[in-house]
Protein backbone atom coordinates (compact mmCIF):
# COMPACT_ATOMS: atom_id res chain seq x y z
CA UNK A 1 55.46 109.74 34.55
CA UNK A 2 54.51 106.72 36.59
CA UNK A 3 57.13 104.65 34.75
CA UNK A 4 59.80 107.23 35.60
CA UNK A 5 58.82 107.15 39.26
CA UNK A 6 59.00 103.36 39.20
CA UNK A 7 62.48 103.41 37.71
CA UNK A 8 63.63 106.01 40.24
CA UNK A 9 62.32 103.97 43.12
CA UNK A 10 63.93 100.84 41.67
CA UNK A 11 67.30 102.62 41.46
CA UNK A 12 67.02 103.89 45.02
CA UNK A 13 66.16 100.42 46.23
CA UNK A 14 69.11 98.87 44.42
CA UNK A 15 71.38 101.54 45.91
CA UNK A 16 69.97 100.79 49.34
CA UNK A 17 70.48 97.05 48.91
CA UNK A 18 74.06 97.60 47.74
CA UNK A 19 74.88 99.85 50.70
CA UNK A 20 73.29 97.39 53.08
CA UNK A 21 75.23 94.48 51.62
CA UNK A 22 78.52 96.42 51.89
CA UNK A 23 77.84 97.30 55.53
CA UNK A 24 77.15 93.71 56.54
CA UNK A 25 79.95 91.82 58.30
CA UNK A 26 79.16 88.73 56.33
CA UNK A 27 81.02 89.06 53.02
CA UNK A 28 78.94 86.31 51.38
CA UNK A 29 75.86 88.43 50.77
CA UNK A 30 73.83 87.05 47.87
CA UNK A 31 72.82 89.13 44.83
CA UNK A 32 69.07 89.76 44.15
CA UNK A 33 67.40 87.04 42.05
CA UNK A 34 64.85 87.35 39.24
CA UNK A 35 61.96 86.51 41.60
CA UNK A 36 62.95 89.33 43.92
CA UNK A 37 62.92 91.74 41.02
CA UNK A 38 59.47 90.54 39.87
CA UNK A 39 58.04 90.99 43.36
CA UNK A 40 59.58 94.46 43.52
CA UNK A 41 57.98 95.42 40.19
CA UNK A 42 54.56 94.12 41.34
CA UNK A 43 54.87 96.11 44.55
CA UNK A 44 55.74 99.24 42.67
CA UNK A 45 52.69 98.86 40.43
CA UNK A 46 50.39 98.90 43.49
CA UNK A 47 49.87 102.58 44.53
CA UNK A 48 49.55 101.85 48.26
CA UNK A 49 52.54 99.53 48.33
CA UNK A 50 54.54 102.02 46.32
CA UNK A 51 53.69 104.89 48.68
CA UNK A 52 54.57 102.74 51.69
CA UNK A 53 57.87 101.76 50.08
CA UNK A 54 58.73 105.38 49.32
CA UNK A 55 57.96 106.33 52.89
CA UNK A 56 60.18 103.56 54.22
CA UNK A 57 63.00 104.71 51.92
CA UNK A 58 62.66 108.31 53.13
CA UNK A 59 62.83 107.15 56.74
CA UNK A 60 65.93 105.11 55.95
CA UNK A 61 67.60 108.07 54.22
CA UNK A 62 66.80 110.37 57.16
CA UNK A 63 68.25 107.81 59.55
CA UNK A 64 71.34 107.53 57.34
CA UNK A 65 71.83 111.34 57.35
CA UNK A 66 71.41 111.44 61.13
CA UNK A 67 73.97 108.66 61.57
CA UNK A 68 76.44 110.54 59.34
CA UNK A 69 75.98 113.74 61.30
CA UNK A 70 76.46 111.89 64.59
CA UNK A 71 79.63 110.23 63.28
CA UNK A 72 80.92 113.63 62.11
CA UNK A 73 80.27 115.06 65.56
CA UNK A 74 81.96 112.10 67.21
CA UNK A 75 85.07 112.33 64.96
CA UNK A 76 88.12 113.16 67.10
CA UNK A 77 89.52 116.67 66.67
CA UNK A 78 93.14 117.71 66.84
CA UNK A 79 93.37 116.29 70.33
CA UNK A 80 92.37 112.83 69.06
CA UNK A 81 95.21 112.36 66.62
CA UNK A 82 96.55 109.46 68.66
CA UNK A 83 93.18 107.71 68.41
CA UNK A 84 93.14 108.16 64.64
CA UNK A 85 96.67 106.78 64.39
CA UNK A 86 95.72 103.87 66.61
CA UNK A 87 92.68 103.12 64.47
CA UNK A 88 94.74 103.34 61.26
CA UNK A 89 97.37 101.03 62.72
CA UNK A 90 94.67 98.53 63.72
CA UNK A 91 93.17 98.61 60.24
CA UNK A 92 96.59 98.16 58.65
CA UNK A 93 97.33 95.27 61.01
CA UNK A 94 93.99 93.64 60.18
CA UNK A 95 94.68 93.96 56.45
CA UNK A 96 98.16 92.54 56.97
CA UNK A 97 96.75 89.61 58.95
CA UNK A 98 94.23 88.99 56.20
CA UNK A 99 97.06 88.33 53.73
CA UNK A 100 97.94 84.76 53.08
CA UNK A 101 101.16 83.91 55.01
CA UNK A 102 102.58 82.19 51.96
CA UNK A 103 102.04 85.24 49.78
CA UNK A 104 103.51 87.45 52.49
CA UNK A 105 106.62 85.26 52.74
CA UNK A 106 107.03 85.17 48.97
CA UNK A 107 106.67 88.98 48.74
CA UNK A 108 109.27 89.48 51.46
CA UNK A 109 111.71 87.11 49.78
CA UNK A 110 111.20 88.76 46.39
CA UNK A 111 111.74 92.21 47.98
CA UNK A 112 114.99 91.08 49.58
CA UNK A 113 116.11 89.54 46.29
CA UNK A 114 115.32 92.79 44.42
CA UNK A 115 117.29 94.90 46.93
CA UNK A 116 120.27 92.55 46.89
CA UNK A 117 120.17 92.43 43.10
CA UNK A 118 120.05 96.26 42.97
CA UNK A 119 123.16 96.53 45.16
CA UNK A 120 125.00 93.92 43.09
CA UNK A 121 124.06 95.58 39.79
CA UNK A 122 125.08 98.98 41.17
CA UNK A 123 128.46 97.62 42.31
CA UNK A 124 129.13 95.92 38.97
CA UNK A 125 128.20 99.03 37.00
CA UNK A 126 130.41 101.19 39.24
CA UNK A 127 133.37 98.88 38.73
CA UNK A 128 132.80 98.82 34.98
CA UNK A 129 132.50 102.60 34.75
CA UNK A 130 135.57 103.13 36.94
CA UNK A 131 137.70 100.91 34.75
CA UNK A 132 136.38 102.56 31.61
CA UNK A 133 136.96 106.04 33.06
CA UNK A 134 140.49 105.08 34.12
CA UNK A 135 141.30 103.75 30.65
CA UNK A 136 140.03 106.93 29.02
CA UNK A 137 141.78 109.37 31.34
CA UNK A 138 145.20 107.64 31.33
CA UNK A 139 147.14 108.68 28.22
CA UNK A 140 149.64 106.64 26.15
CA UNK A 141 153.30 107.49 26.98
CA UNK A 142 155.92 107.87 24.32
CA UNK A 143 158.91 105.84 25.52
CA UNK A 144 159.15 102.48 27.25
CA UNK A 145 160.00 103.88 30.66
CA UNK A 146 157.01 106.18 30.50
CA UNK A 147 154.91 103.29 29.22
CA UNK A 148 155.80 101.19 32.25
CA UNK A 149 154.98 104.09 34.54
CA UNK A 150 151.74 104.63 32.65
CA UNK A 151 150.74 100.98 33.04
CA UNK A 152 151.40 101.13 36.75
CA UNK A 153 149.40 104.34 36.99
CA UNK A 154 146.57 102.71 35.04
CA UNK A 155 146.59 99.70 37.37
CA UNK A 156 146.39 101.96 40.40
CA UNK A 157 143.68 103.98 38.71
CA UNK A 158 141.69 100.78 38.12
CA UNK A 159 141.84 100.03 41.83
CA UNK A 160 141.39 103.49 43.35
CA UNK A 161 140.01 105.71 40.62
CA UNK A 162 136.81 107.40 41.63
CA UNK A 163 134.11 108.35 39.21
CA UNK A 164 132.89 111.92 39.07
CA UNK A 165 130.28 112.61 41.72
CA UNK A 166 127.57 113.36 39.15
CA UNK A 167 128.03 109.96 37.46
CA UNK A 168 127.82 107.95 40.69
CA UNK A 169 124.79 109.92 41.90
CA UNK A 170 122.97 109.46 38.61
CA UNK A 171 123.70 105.73 38.66
CA UNK A 172 122.38 105.48 42.23
CA UNK A 173 119.24 107.35 41.22
CA UNK A 174 118.52 105.10 38.23
CA UNK A 175 119.10 101.85 40.11
CA UNK A 176 117.11 103.10 43.11
CA UNK A 177 114.08 104.12 41.01
CA UNK A 178 114.00 100.77 39.22
CA UNK A 179 114.34 98.87 42.51
CA UNK A 180 111.51 100.85 44.15
CA UNK A 181 109.26 100.27 41.11
CA UNK A 182 109.89 96.52 41.23
CA UNK A 183 109.27 96.35 44.98
CA UNK A 184 106.04 98.33 44.62
CA UNK A 185 104.87 96.00 41.85
CA UNK A 186 105.70 92.99 44.03
CA UNK A 187 103.44 94.28 46.80
CA UNK A 188 100.61 94.97 44.39
CA UNK A 189 100.91 98.74 44.07
CA UNK A 190 99.67 98.53 40.48
CA UNK A 191 102.56 100.27 38.78
CA UNK A 192 101.93 98.30 35.59
CA UNK A 193 98.25 99.20 35.60
CA UNK A 194 99.14 102.84 36.10
CA UNK A 195 101.51 102.79 33.15
CA UNK A 196 98.74 101.41 30.95
CA UNK A 197 96.64 104.51 31.48
CA UNK A 198 97.08 107.65 29.40
CA UNK A 199 98.31 109.71 32.34
CA UNK A 200 100.73 107.01 33.46
CA UNK A 201 102.06 106.60 29.92
CA UNK A 202 102.66 110.34 29.61
CA UNK A 203 104.39 110.50 32.99
CA UNK A 204 106.57 107.51 32.10
CA UNK A 205 107.46 108.97 28.70
CA UNK A 206 108.39 112.32 30.20
CA UNK A 207 110.43 110.71 32.96
CA UNK A 208 112.25 108.52 30.44
CA UNK A 209 113.05 111.49 28.21
CA UNK A 210 114.29 113.60 31.13
CA UNK A 211 116.36 110.66 32.39
CA UNK A 212 118.01 110.15 29.00
CA UNK A 213 118.77 113.87 28.76
CA UNK A 214 120.34 113.80 32.22
CA UNK A 215 122.41 110.73 31.32
CA UNK A 216 123.74 112.31 28.14
CA UNK A 217 124.33 115.61 29.96
CA UNK A 218 126.39 113.96 32.68
CA UNK A 219 128.32 111.94 30.09
CA UNK A 220 129.09 115.00 27.96
CA UNK A 221 129.85 117.11 31.06
CA UNK A 222 132.54 114.70 32.22
CA UNK A 223 133.79 113.97 28.70
CA UNK A 224 134.32 117.68 28.02
CA UNK A 225 137.49 117.90 30.10
CA UNK A 226 138.92 114.71 28.56
CA UNK A 227 138.05 115.87 25.04
CA UNK A 228 139.58 119.32 25.53
CA UNK A 229 142.74 117.85 27.04
CA UNK A 230 143.19 115.34 24.21
CA UNK A 231 142.68 117.99 21.53
CA UNK A 232 145.14 120.35 23.20
CA UNK A 233 147.69 117.56 23.51
CA UNK A 234 147.40 116.93 19.78
CA UNK A 235 147.94 120.65 19.17
CA UNK A 236 150.96 120.74 21.52
CA UNK A 237 152.90 117.79 20.11
CA UNK A 238 155.77 120.01 18.95
CA UNK A 239 156.25 121.61 22.37
CA UNK A 240 158.41 120.28 25.18
CA UNK A 241 156.78 118.28 27.95
CA UNK A 242 157.02 120.93 30.65
CA UNK A 243 155.54 123.64 28.48
CA UNK A 244 152.79 121.27 27.31
CA UNK A 245 151.80 120.59 30.92
CA UNK A 246 151.76 124.30 31.75
CA UNK A 247 149.72 125.05 28.64
CA UNK A 248 147.24 122.32 29.55
CA UNK A 249 146.96 123.70 33.08
CA UNK A 250 146.07 127.06 31.60
CA UNK A 251 143.71 126.11 28.79
CA UNK A 252 141.91 122.98 30.04
CA UNK A 253 140.01 124.62 32.96
CA UNK A 254 139.08 127.64 30.84
CA UNK A 255 137.79 125.78 27.77
CA UNK A 256 136.20 123.05 29.91
CA UNK A 257 134.16 125.59 31.87
CA UNK A 258 132.94 127.23 28.66
CA UNK A 259 131.99 123.87 27.11
CA UNK A 260 130.28 122.61 30.28
CA UNK A 261 128.29 125.82 30.59
CA UNK A 262 127.07 125.44 27.00
CA UNK A 263 126.09 121.81 27.62
CA UNK A 264 124.20 122.77 30.79
CA UNK A 265 122.24 125.52 29.05
CA UNK A 266 121.16 123.28 26.16
CA UNK A 267 120.26 120.44 28.53
CA UNK A 268 118.17 122.77 30.68
CA UNK A 269 116.28 123.99 27.61
CA UNK A 270 115.62 120.40 26.47
CA UNK A 271 114.34 119.41 29.92
CA UNK A 272 112.02 122.42 30.02
CA UNK A 273 110.75 121.48 26.56
CA UNK A 274 110.02 117.91 27.71
CA UNK A 275 108.12 119.26 30.72
CA UNK A 276 105.84 121.21 28.40
CA UNK A 277 107.40 124.65 28.72
CA UNK A 278 107.54 126.70 25.52
CA UNK A 279 111.20 127.59 25.12
CA UNK A 280 110.66 129.80 22.08
CA UNK A 281 110.20 133.00 24.11
CA UNK A 282 113.18 132.03 26.27
CA UNK A 283 115.41 131.70 23.22
CA UNK A 284 114.15 134.97 21.78
CA UNK A 285 114.70 136.75 25.10
CA UNK A 286 118.17 135.27 25.43
CA UNK A 287 119.02 136.48 21.91
CA UNK A 288 117.87 140.01 22.69
CA UNK A 289 119.76 140.06 25.98
CA UNK A 290 122.89 138.72 24.28
CA UNK A 291 122.66 141.40 21.58
CA UNK A 292 122.23 144.15 24.18
CA UNK A 293 125.14 142.85 26.24
CA UNK A 294 127.27 142.62 23.10
CA UNK A 295 126.69 146.28 22.26
CA UNK A 296 127.07 147.45 25.84
CA UNK A 297 130.16 145.42 26.70
CA UNK A 298 132.36 145.72 23.65
CA UNK A 299 135.51 145.97 25.78
CA UNK A 300 134.59 142.76 27.58
CA UNK A 301 133.99 140.99 24.26
CA UNK A 302 137.34 142.29 22.99
CA UNK A 303 139.03 140.96 26.13
CA UNK A 304 137.48 137.55 25.61
CA UNK A 305 138.44 137.32 21.93
CA UNK A 306 142.00 138.57 22.53
CA UNK A 307 142.45 136.21 25.47
CA UNK A 308 141.31 133.18 23.50
CA UNK A 309 143.63 134.20 20.64
CA UNK A 310 146.63 134.54 22.95
CA UNK A 311 145.91 131.18 24.56
CA UNK A 312 145.39 129.33 21.30
CA UNK A 313 148.43 130.92 19.66
CA UNK A 314 150.51 129.91 22.70
CA UNK A 315 151.97 133.40 23.00
CA UNK A 316 152.22 132.93 26.77
CA UNK A 317 151.19 130.46 29.43
CA UNK A 318 151.30 130.10 33.18
CA UNK A 319 154.90 130.16 34.44
CA UNK A 320 156.34 132.21 31.57
CA UNK A 321 158.27 135.43 32.17
CA UNK A 322 156.75 137.99 29.82
CA UNK A 323 156.60 141.70 29.22
CA UNK A 324 153.06 142.90 28.58
CA UNK A 325 151.75 146.47 28.46
CA UNK A 326 155.04 147.81 29.85
CA UNK A 327 155.17 145.40 32.81
CA UNK A 328 157.48 142.40 33.22
CA UNK A 329 156.78 139.46 35.49
CA UNK A 330 155.88 135.80 35.85
CA UNK A 331 152.44 134.79 34.56
CA UNK A 332 150.56 133.38 37.53
CA UNK A 333 147.11 132.97 36.02
CA UNK A 334 145.38 133.55 32.70
CA UNK A 335 141.69 134.11 33.24
CA UNK A 336 138.91 134.68 30.76
CA UNK A 337 139.37 138.47 30.73
CA UNK A 338 142.70 139.33 32.39
CA UNK A 339 146.24 138.06 32.73
CA UNK A 340 147.72 138.04 36.24
CA UNK A 341 151.48 138.70 36.58
CA UNK A 342 153.90 139.13 39.47
CA UNK A 343 157.21 140.97 39.11
CA UNK A 344 160.50 140.35 40.92
CA UNK A 345 159.47 142.71 43.73
CA UNK A 346 156.28 140.73 44.36
CA UNK A 347 153.94 143.30 42.83
CA UNK A 348 150.88 141.72 41.16
CA UNK A 349 149.54 143.16 37.91
CA UNK A 350 146.05 142.47 36.54
CA UNK A 351 146.21 143.38 32.85
CA UNK A 352 143.07 143.15 30.64
CA UNK A 353 143.65 141.41 27.34
CA UNK A 354 142.34 144.47 25.49
CA UNK A 355 145.50 146.35 26.59
CA UNK A 356 147.81 143.65 25.25
CA UNK A 357 149.20 144.79 21.91
CA UNK A 358 152.38 142.70 22.02
CA UNK A 359 153.70 139.87 24.19
CA UNK A 360 157.44 139.73 24.90
CA UNK A 361 158.16 136.22 26.14
CA UNK A 362 161.54 135.58 27.81
CA UNK A 363 161.06 131.86 28.52
CA UNK A 364 159.54 130.18 25.47
CA UNK A 365 161.34 127.08 24.13
CA UNK A 366 164.82 128.34 25.17
CA UNK A 367 166.56 131.47 26.45
CA UNK A 368 169.76 133.48 25.89
CA UNK A 369 171.72 135.53 28.37
CA UNK A 370 173.37 138.41 26.51
CA UNK A 371 176.75 139.74 27.70
CA UNK A 372 178.21 143.17 26.89
CA UNK A 373 181.71 142.99 28.38
CA UNK A 374 183.77 146.20 28.49
CA UNK A 375 187.59 146.05 28.75
CA UNK A 376 190.24 148.73 28.64
CA UNK A 377 191.55 149.92 25.31
CA UNK A 378 195.03 148.64 26.14
CA UNK A 379 193.79 145.04 26.47
CA UNK A 380 194.23 142.44 23.72
CA UNK A 381 190.70 141.52 22.63
CA UNK A 382 191.78 138.09 21.34
CA UNK A 383 193.24 137.28 24.75
CA UNK A 384 190.03 138.48 26.41
CA UNK A 385 187.95 136.16 24.16
CA UNK A 386 190.20 133.23 25.08
CA UNK A 387 189.69 133.94 28.77
CA UNK A 388 185.91 134.13 28.27
CA UNK A 389 185.97 130.76 26.50
CA UNK A 390 187.86 129.21 29.42
CA UNK A 391 185.30 130.60 31.88
CA UNK A 392 182.50 129.13 29.75
CA UNK A 393 184.18 125.71 29.63
CA UNK A 394 184.59 125.66 33.40
CA UNK A 395 180.93 126.60 33.88
CA UNK A 396 179.72 123.92 31.46
CA UNK A 397 181.80 121.31 33.32
CA UNK A 398 180.20 122.15 36.66
CA UNK A 399 177.59 119.51 37.65
CA UNK A 400 175.44 122.17 39.29
CA UNK A 401 174.98 124.23 36.13
CA UNK A 402 175.65 122.07 33.07
CA UNK A 403 172.12 120.59 33.04
CA UNK A 404 170.70 124.07 32.44
CA UNK A 405 173.11 125.05 29.64
CA UNK A 406 172.04 124.08 26.13
CA UNK A 407 175.02 125.57 24.26
CA UNK A 408 178.29 127.05 25.57
CA UNK A 409 179.25 130.70 25.27
CA UNK A 410 178.98 132.14 21.78
CA UNK A 411 181.30 135.16 21.30
CA UNK A 412 179.79 137.52 18.76
CA UNK A 413 182.90 139.77 18.63
CA UNK A 414 183.83 143.39 19.31
CA UNK A 415 180.53 145.24 19.25
CA UNK A 416 181.45 148.89 19.86
CA UNK A 417 184.07 151.36 21.04
CA UNK A 418 182.61 153.14 24.00
CA UNK A 419 183.96 156.25 25.74
CA UNK A 420 186.13 154.34 28.17
CA UNK A 421 186.01 150.69 27.06
CA UNK A 422 185.97 148.25 24.16
CA UNK A 423 182.67 146.30 24.31
CA UNK A 424 182.70 142.60 23.43
CA UNK A 425 179.26 141.00 22.91
CA UNK A 426 178.56 137.32 23.67
CA UNK A 427 175.63 135.10 24.65
CA UNK A 428 174.97 131.71 26.23
CA UNK A 429 171.97 129.48 25.47
CA UNK A 430 170.08 128.00 28.43
CA UNK A 431 166.85 126.31 29.36
CA UNK A 432 163.81 128.61 29.56
CA UNK A 433 164.02 130.69 32.70
CA UNK A 434 167.59 129.67 33.60
CA UNK A 435 169.36 132.45 31.73
CA UNK A 436 169.51 134.83 34.71
CA UNK A 437 170.97 132.23 37.06
CA UNK A 438 173.59 131.12 34.53
CA UNK A 439 174.38 134.74 33.64
CA UNK A 440 175.01 135.74 37.25
CA UNK A 441 177.30 132.77 37.84
CA UNK A 442 179.23 133.50 34.62
CA UNK A 443 179.74 137.15 35.66
CA UNK A 444 181.06 136.05 39.06
CA UNK A 445 183.60 133.69 37.53
CA UNK A 446 184.58 136.17 34.81
CA UNK A 447 185.37 138.89 37.38
CA UNK A 448 187.60 136.52 39.35
CA UNK A 449 189.41 135.37 36.20
CA UNK A 450 189.95 138.94 34.98
CA UNK A 451 191.46 139.83 38.36
CA UNK A 452 193.79 136.82 38.16
CA UNK A 453 194.96 137.60 34.63
CA UNK A 454 195.17 141.37 35.12
CA UNK A 455 192.51 142.27 32.55
CA UNK A 456 191.16 145.70 33.40
CA UNK A 457 187.44 146.37 33.49
CA UNK A 458 187.33 150.16 33.21
CA UNK A 459 184.91 152.22 35.18
CA UNK A 460 184.14 155.96 34.93
CA UNK A 461 186.16 158.27 37.27
CA UNK A 462 186.72 162.00 37.53
CA UNK A 463 189.78 164.02 38.74
CA UNK A 464 189.17 167.48 40.29
CA UNK A 465 191.76 170.31 40.39
CA UNK A 466 191.64 173.38 42.70
CA UNK A 467 192.98 176.32 40.66
CA UNK A 468 195.92 176.29 38.25
CA UNK A 469 199.24 178.15 38.90
CA UNK A 470 201.26 179.91 36.22
CA UNK A 471 203.49 176.88 35.78
CA UNK A 472 200.46 174.68 34.91
CA UNK A 473 201.23 171.93 37.44
CA UNK A 474 198.19 172.23 39.74
CA UNK A 475 197.94 169.26 42.16
CA UNK A 476 194.87 167.03 42.15
CA UNK A 477 192.29 167.32 44.89
CA UNK A 478 193.51 164.30 46.79
CA UNK A 479 197.17 165.57 46.75
CA UNK A 480 196.15 169.08 47.81
CA UNK A 481 194.26 167.76 50.79
CA UNK A 482 197.23 165.65 51.81
CA UNK A 483 199.55 168.70 51.68
CA UNK A 484 197.10 170.73 53.77
CA UNK A 485 196.92 168.05 56.39
CA UNK A 486 200.72 167.79 56.54
CA UNK A 487 201.13 171.55 57.05
CA UNK A 488 198.48 171.51 59.75
CA UNK A 489 200.25 168.73 61.60
CA UNK A 490 203.61 170.51 61.34
CA UNK A 491 202.09 173.74 62.68
CA UNK A 492 200.53 171.93 65.60
CA UNK A 493 203.81 170.21 66.37
CA UNK A 494 205.82 173.45 66.29
CA UNK A 495 203.30 175.17 68.51
CA UNK A 496 203.46 172.40 71.09
CA UNK A 497 207.26 172.37 71.21
CA UNK A 498 207.43 176.14 71.54
CA UNK A 499 205.01 176.16 74.49
């Protein structure tokens, strides 16, 4: 028991000596020697000396508690914030003045060098990524003229092409974090020592994993549009250039959004997994929700599947004139679920893909304008065909229209004998969408030529008769009215002369 008391007193004394040495202004306080320890042990073995020493220690501890309470009472409250800030600034200034000027100068120079190096590295990486992005996004033209234009476009892209915002922000974040870490290590923040601990190693590992996931996510996010566009170009090699561009304008945004959404979901799950979140229940819940939505929204799923099929089969694209679900118009937009059309009167139709059973496309690859020309039975059909051929030749020679005509008029022959006319069928092949313009111009010229040559275009007319006399020579309505007017005029004239 006595030995335990001695050890306790010895520990309290050592604690007291340590606190006293730390509170002294002289930082060269000497450590206790072996003689001091021997004298302390001898004093502790004497009961009177030990009791006196314990009493002195109790008085010192009471004085220390009283001093702490007084300092707590004298601590400035909310009104003394300025004093606290002043005291903190003075302490920081004293610590700064205690630094060796040489070390301070070296730290400042190293900090400036790190910041300058970070800006230079960031600029070089941005230039490299811009050139790489420009090379990837600029395609290879087919002919020499297009190749020259493509090279010029690539050169301009190298100079002015801007990276996607996500890529530049991620690059700024990575370079900034590395620069801050180096600056903190230069000023002795102990970043290296922190990384050597278990907690620091775990934080660094998690941050590195999340950073790599973000880098790959941003890369895949921005590569999705390029990948989709390249694949669609390969699938559209047999189509003309204009239709390929319209098809790309329709499909690229749709498929890119779907692919980017998938990438974002998987990246979010991976990041949550790296942060220690159990994603198993999330996946199970997502599967259940997806199953419920699939059963409850069968029409929506049908719309999606039908829409993707129509887009991939190239049944229609933006700019085509189509007939869908009984409506005819120009396709303005093809969304995930509906197709938006506008007719010649400006009426907009929103047709769900589930209602599309057939697509009637008027402007795919090429177009025909079909003529059904009716002439009188007394006309020579061979002569009429010759006149039609002359009209077609004149139209094909016109600079305003010949660029839109693929093939001249093709006369299919006498198609039918109608009630009042012989119908001759013909057609003219044009560029997609130009058939109506060419057809209207052909009809205008054909009417003028028929009038010049005396070819009759019959039209329905009806003759009315008012009664029939015994001789069977009843006058027509127009003749009867004329006779009535003549008799009325004669009666009025005779009445005036007689008066």
